[in-house]
Amino acid sequence: MKNYILKKHLECAALWPSYLQTILDIINDNLQWEMDNHYKKLNGKLEKLQAQHNTAMLKPKGRQPTSYPRTINLTDIHFTDKEH
């Protein structure tokens, strides 16, 4: 459907070259609207996940599964120039 609309916009631009900029502006506005909606959905999902995480962190430490800290690499290995 989107490709069909784009094709029709371009056909109109070929028929009426003086309206090309107007047609391109409309295409750009439509793409911007779609991207805004897409990122609103993604941001909503992220906020929901963060809220769930914050709620989980506030629960009392009853019988919750043990979580482990991130692994920290404490090795002190020095490589020679050949080994790099």
Protein backbone atom coordinates (compact mmCIF):
# COMPACT_ATOMS: atom_id res chain seq x y z
CA MET A 1 0.00 0.00 0.00
CA LYS A 2 2.79 2.42 0.93
CA ASN A 3 4.67 1.69 -2.29
CA TYR A 4 1.49 2.24 -4.26
CA ILE A 5 0.99 5.64 -2.66
CA LEU A 6 4.62 6.59 -3.27
CA LYS A 7 4.33 5.51 -6.91
CA LYS A 8 1.20 7.63 -7.32
CA HIS A 9 2.91 10.63 -5.72
CA LEU A 10 5.79 10.30 -8.15
CA GLU A 11 3.42 9.96 -11.10
CA CYS A 12 1.71 13.16 -10.01
CA ALA A 13 5.09 14.86 -9.73
CA ALA A 14 5.85 13.86 -13.33
CA LEU A 15 2.51 15.26 -14.48
CA TRP A 16 2.77 18.49 -12.45
CA PRO A 17 6.47 19.33 -11.94
CA SER A 18 5.68 22.66 -10.27
CA TYR A 19 4.08 20.72 -7.38
CA LEU A 20 7.07 18.41 -6.86
CA GLN A 21 8.21 20.13 -3.66
CA THR A 22 4.70 20.01 -2.21
CA ILE A 23 4.48 16.31 -3.03
CA LEU A 24 7.88 15.62 -1.46
CA ASP A 25 6.85 17.56 1.65
CA ILE A 26 3.73 15.41 1.96
CA ILE A 27 5.78 12.23 1.61
CA ASN A 28 8.25 13.49 4.22
CA ASP A 29 5.45 14.43 6.63
CA ASN A 30 3.89 10.98 6.28
CA LEU A 31 7.21 9.25 6.91
CA GLN A 32 7.88 11.48 9.93
CA TRP A 33 4.42 10.68 11.33
CA GLU A 34 5.04 6.95 10.95
CA MET A 35 8.44 7.18 12.64
CA ASP A 36 7.01 9.25 15.51
CA ASN A 37 4.30 6.66 16.12
CA HIS A 38 6.82 3.82 15.95
CA TYR A 39 9.09 5.46 18.53
CA LYS A 40 6.14 6.36 20.78
CA LYS A 41 5.28 2.66 20.92
CA LEU A 42 8.89 1.71 21.63
CA ASN A 43 9.22 4.35 24.35
CA GLY A 44 5.97 3.17 25.91
CA LYS A 45 7.27 -0.40 26.03
CA LEU A 46 10.55 0.78 27.54
CA GLU A 47 8.78 2.84 30.22
CA LYS A 48 6.58 -0.16 31.08
CA LEU A 49 9.63 -2.41 31.44
CA GLN A 50 11.42 0.17 33.59
CA ALA A 51 8.36 0.55 35.81
CA GLN A 52 8.14 -3.24 36.24
CA HIS A 53 11.84 -3.37 37.06
CA ASN A 54 11.55 -0.56 39.62
CA THR A 55 8.52 -2.23 41.20
CA ALA A 56 10.41 -5.52 41.44
CA MET A 57 13.35 -3.77 43.09
CA LEU A 58 11.08 -2.30 45.80
CA LYS A 59 9.58 -5.63 46.86
CA PRO A 60 10.80 -7.06 50.17
CA LYS A 61 13.64 -9.55 50.01
CA GLY A 62 11.57 -12.62 50.88
CA ARG A 63 11.96 -15.73 48.79
CA GLN A 64 13.25 -14.04 45.68
CA PRO A 65 15.72 -15.75 43.38
CA THR A 66 19.33 -14.88 44.00
CA SER A 67 20.78 -12.42 41.57
CA TYR A 68 24.47 -12.17 40.96
CA PRO A 69 26.49 -9.03 40.26
CA ARG A 70 27.88 -8.51 36.82
CA THR A 71 31.09 -10.33 36.06
CA ILE A 72 34.11 -8.10 36.40
CA ASN A 73 37.28 -9.05 34.57
CA LEU A 74 40.11 -8.71 37.09
CA THR A 75 42.77 -10.47 35.04
CA ASP A 76 46.03 -8.65 34.58
CA ILE A 77 47.42 -10.15 31.38
CA HIS A 78 49.94 -8.21 29.36
CA PHE A 79 50.37 -9.19 25.71
CA THR A 80 53.48 -8.73 23.64
CA ASP A 81 53.33 -6.88 20.34
CA LYS A 82 53.30 -10.21 18.50
CA GLU A 83 50.29 -11.42 20.49
CA HIS A 84 48.17 -8.34 19.74
